[in-house]
Protein backbone atom coordinates (compact mmCIF):
# COMPACT_ATOMS: atom_id res chain seq x y z
CA MET A 1 -292.92 -4.23 37.71
CA PRO A 2 -292.00 -2.32 40.54
CA ASN A 3 -289.49 -3.50 43.26
CA SER A 4 -292.02 -3.95 46.24
CA LYS A 5 -289.62 -4.95 48.76
CA LYS A 6 -289.91 -2.64 51.52
CA LYS A 7 -286.91 -1.19 53.40
CA SER A 8 -286.63 -2.63 57.13
CA PRO A 9 -287.93 -1.10 59.87
CA VAL A 10 -285.70 0.57 62.41
CA THR A 11 -285.72 -1.37 65.46
CA PRO A 12 -285.15 0.91 68.74
CA ALA A 13 -282.14 -0.25 70.73
CA SER A 14 -282.28 -0.34 74.65
CA PRO A 15 -281.61 3.04 75.97
CA ALA A 16 -278.07 2.25 77.01
CA ARG A 17 -277.20 0.63 73.74
CA ARG A 18 -278.51 3.29 71.94
CA SER A 19 -276.58 6.07 74.38
CA GLU A 20 -273.41 4.02 73.45
CA LEU A 21 -273.85 3.85 69.67
CA LEU A 22 -274.55 7.62 69.87
CA ALA A 23 -271.69 8.15 72.06
CA THR A 24 -269.04 6.52 69.66
CA ALA A 25 -270.70 8.10 66.25
CA ALA A 26 -270.13 11.55 68.10
CA GLU A 27 -266.80 10.89 68.54
CA VAL A 28 -265.87 9.40 65.31
CA PHE A 29 -267.89 12.84 63.71
CA ALA A 30 -265.95 14.94 66.08
CA ALA A 31 -262.29 13.55 64.95
CA HIS A 32 -263.13 13.20 61.14
CA GLY A 33 -266.05 15.36 60.58
CA TYR A 34 -269.38 14.61 59.18
CA ASN A 35 -268.89 14.40 55.31
CA ALA A 36 -265.71 11.72 55.92
CA THR A 37 -267.23 9.82 58.55
CA THR A 38 -269.17 6.84 56.74
CA VAL A 39 -271.89 4.50 58.63
CA ARG A 40 -269.34 1.77 57.69
CA LYS A 41 -266.73 3.91 60.15
CA ILE A 42 -268.99 4.29 62.77
CA ALA A 43 -270.08 0.49 62.78
CA ASP A 44 -266.19 -0.49 62.74
CA GLU A 45 -265.78 1.86 65.90
CA ALA A 46 -268.76 0.23 67.57
CA GLY A 47 -267.97 -3.32 66.89
CA MET A 48 -270.66 -4.08 64.52
CA LEU A 49 -271.67 -4.52 60.82
CA ALA A 50 -272.37 -1.56 59.13
CA GLY A 51 -275.73 -3.01 58.06
CA SER A 52 -276.66 -3.74 61.63
CA LEU A 53 -276.45 0.17 62.32
CA TYR A 54 -279.83 0.49 60.01
CA TYR A 55 -281.61 -1.54 62.62
CA HIS A 56 -281.23 1.41 65.18
CA PHE A 57 -281.18 4.41 63.13
CA ASP A 58 -282.57 5.34 59.63
CA SER A 59 -279.35 7.25 58.46
CA LYS A 60 -275.86 8.89 59.08
CA GLU A 61 -278.07 11.76 59.24
CA GLY A 62 -280.27 10.53 61.52
CA ILE A 63 -277.74 9.55 63.95
CA LEU A 64 -276.22 13.44 63.98
CA ASP A 65 -279.60 14.85 63.99
CA GLU A 66 -280.01 12.92 67.28
CA ILE A 67 -276.67 13.86 68.82
CA LEU A 68 -277.06 17.42 68.06
CA SER A 69 -280.83 17.54 69.27
CA THR A 70 -280.31 15.90 72.28
CA PHE A 71 -277.76 18.02 73.07
CA LEU A 72 -279.37 21.26 72.72
CA ASP A 73 -282.55 19.87 74.36
CA GLU A 74 -280.51 19.31 77.74
CA LEU A 75 -278.66 22.95 76.73
CA TRP A 76 -281.78 24.70 77.20
CA GLN A 77 -283.02 22.96 79.97
CA GLY A 78 -280.07 24.30 81.64
CA TYR A 79 -279.88 27.74 79.94
CA ASP A 80 -283.91 28.26 80.21
CA ALA A 81 -283.60 27.55 84.11
CA VAL A 82 -280.84 29.97 84.78
CA LEU A 83 -282.60 32.91 82.45
CA ALA A 84 -286.18 32.15 84.49
CA ALA A 85 -284.25 32.60 87.68
CA ASP A 86 -284.43 36.50 88.04
CA LEU A 87 -280.80 36.44 88.72
CA GLY A 88 -278.81 40.09 88.36
CA PRO A 89 -276.63 40.12 85.20
CA ARG A 90 -272.86 39.41 86.25
CA GLU A 91 -274.72 36.20 88.28
CA THR A 92 -276.49 35.04 85.02
CA ILE A 93 -273.35 35.27 83.04
CA GLU A 94 -272.04 33.35 85.83
CA ALA A 95 -274.46 30.73 85.45
CA LEU A 96 -274.45 30.70 81.71
CA VAL A 97 -270.78 29.77 81.62
CA THR A 98 -270.93 27.18 84.53
CA GLU A 99 -273.67 25.61 82.42
CA SER A 100 -271.93 25.46 79.64
CA PHE A 101 -268.92 23.85 81.02
CA ARG A 102 -271.58 21.48 82.61
CA GLU A 103 -272.59 20.58 78.98
CA ILE A 104 -268.92 20.15 77.32
CA ASP A 105 -268.35 17.70 80.57
CA ARG A 106 -271.62 15.99 79.27
CA HIS A 107 -271.68 16.44 75.68
CA ARG A 108 -267.85 17.16 74.74
CA ALA A 109 -267.81 15.81 70.99
CA ALA A 110 -271.54 17.12 70.31
CA VAL A 111 -270.07 20.33 71.57
CA ALA A 112 -267.23 19.97 68.53
CA ILE A 113 -269.53 18.81 66.22
CA TYR A 114 -271.72 21.84 66.70
CA GLN A 115 -268.86 24.21 66.68
CA LYS A 116 -267.25 22.78 63.46
CA GLU A 117 -270.46 21.69 61.52
CA SER A 118 -273.50 23.56 62.44
CA ALA A 119 -272.93 26.79 60.04
CA HIS A 120 -273.61 24.65 56.88
CA LEU A 121 -275.71 21.94 58.21
CA ALA A 122 -278.11 24.82 59.39
CA LYS A 123 -279.09 25.36 56.09
CA GLN A 124 -280.61 21.71 55.31
CA PRO A 125 -284.17 21.21 56.29
CA ARG A 126 -283.83 18.51 58.98
CA PHE A 127 -281.14 20.61 60.88
CA GLY A 128 -283.13 24.02 60.57
CA TYR A 129 -283.42 24.25 64.44
CA LEU A 130 -279.63 24.70 64.75
CA ALA A 131 -280.07 28.16 63.19
CA GLU A 132 -283.14 28.76 65.90
CA SER A 133 -281.28 27.85 68.71
CA GLN A 134 -278.21 30.01 67.60
CA GLN A 135 -280.56 32.84 67.29
CA LYS A 136 -281.69 32.14 71.01
CA PHE A 137 -278.55 31.83 72.14
CA GLU A 138 -277.69 35.18 70.81
CA LYS A 139 -280.66 36.63 72.12
CA ALA A 140 -279.81 35.39 75.80
CA TRP A 141 -276.20 36.33 75.99
CA LEU A 142 -276.39 39.69 74.26
CA GLY A 143 -279.70 40.54 76.46
CA THR A 144 -278.22 39.60 79.91
CA LEU A 145 -274.75 41.89 78.55
CA GLU A 146 -277.03 45.08 77.60
CA ARG A 147 -278.70 44.50 81.24
CA GLY A 148 -275.17 44.63 82.84
CA VAL A 149 -274.09 47.73 81.05
CA ASP A 150 -277.77 49.42 81.70
CA ALA A 151 -277.06 48.90 85.43
CA GLN A 152 -273.84 49.67 85.84
CA VAL A 153 -272.39 46.26 86.65
CA PHE A 154 -270.53 46.15 83.21
CA ARG A 155 -268.33 48.89 81.67
CA SER A 156 -270.11 51.35 79.33
CA ASP A 157 -267.90 51.06 76.89
CA LEU A 158 -268.33 47.32 76.10
CA ASP A 159 -268.72 46.64 72.54
CA ILE A 160 -271.60 44.15 73.39
CA ARG A 161 -271.50 42.14 70.25
CA LEU A 162 -267.79 41.68 70.31
CA THR A 163 -267.60 40.77 74.18
CA TYR A 164 -270.69 38.06 73.26
CA ARG A 165 -268.12 36.74 70.48
CA PHE A 166 -265.31 36.69 72.74
CA VAL A 167 -267.03 35.15 75.89
CA ARG A 168 -268.86 32.41 73.47
CA ASP A 169 -265.47 31.38 71.70
CA THR A 170 -263.54 31.59 74.40
CA VAL A 171 -265.67 28.76 76.46
CA TRP A 172 -267.00 26.52 73.54
CA VAL A 173 -263.76 26.20 72.39
CA ALA A 174 -262.75 24.19 75.56
CA ALA A 175 -264.41 21.38 73.58
CA SER A 176 -261.20 20.80 71.63
CA TRP A 177 -259.00 20.08 74.73
CA TYR A 178 -261.46 18.88 77.44
CA ARG A 179 -261.23 15.63 78.74
CA PRO A 180 -264.14 14.46 81.19
CA GLY A 181 -262.82 13.46 84.50
CA GLY A 182 -259.64 15.42 84.34
CA ARG A 183 -257.80 17.54 86.80
CA HIS A 184 -260.45 19.92 87.13
CA SER A 185 -264.08 19.76 87.45
CA PRO A 186 -266.47 21.93 85.13
CA GLU A 187 -267.22 24.02 87.73
CA GLU A 188 -263.70 24.76 89.02
CA ILE A 189 -262.97 25.63 85.00
CA ALA A 190 -265.99 27.64 84.94
CA ARG A 191 -264.53 29.64 87.91
CA GLN A 192 -261.04 30.22 86.32
CA TYR A 193 -262.32 31.28 83.21
CA LEU A 194 -264.95 33.71 84.82
CA SER A 195 -262.32 35.31 87.04
CA MET A 196 -260.25 35.92 83.87
CA VAL A 197 -263.77 37.04 81.81
CA LEU A 198 -265.21 39.25 84.58
CA ASP A 199 -261.70 40.22 86.35
CA GLY A 200 -258.89 40.19 83.86
CA ILE A 201 -255.82 38.60 84.71
CA ALA A 202 -253.48 41.87 85.41
CA VAL A 203 -252.53 42.73 88.90
CA ARG A 204 -254.67 45.84 90.05
CA SER A 205 -253.00 48.69 91.57
CA PRO A 206 -253.71 48.80 95.00
């Protein structure tokens, strides 16, 4: 006779507790990688039994899914607002970079996970939205850079795709060292990055 025992239903945690568990899991995933992280390791960091975590989430995959989708949903709320504001190309780049650093401030561990894991996770059906987000991300940045070249705001000799990759990697790699509450605010770091990216670091001749 087949086993008729049903899996215990997932019980929603309070919003505050759920956020706490997700933040803990994100730090563990970021530090150890998705494959090396077990539910037990997350539960240990959260100060609970491994089985208790299943009262709040359906699986390790489900925990990571919620971490990444929450980060990307918030990122695109900010990006979409910038892109809809009808700013000039330089101002759009400045706003996108600033919004990116704000997201690193809010979701540093999720950004680190996204950087390390998205390439192989995107091949899984549950994480197909990662590839879609990457395509949308690339279109937004490349389109803005192309608009800047056409408007003669950016140099005409720029390799647009190389420039996009440089700016993207320069910004997002900050998740590896940035810590919230540090000496500089996200906006201050963005200003420094923008100064170097858009104006260079060499002293200009008079």
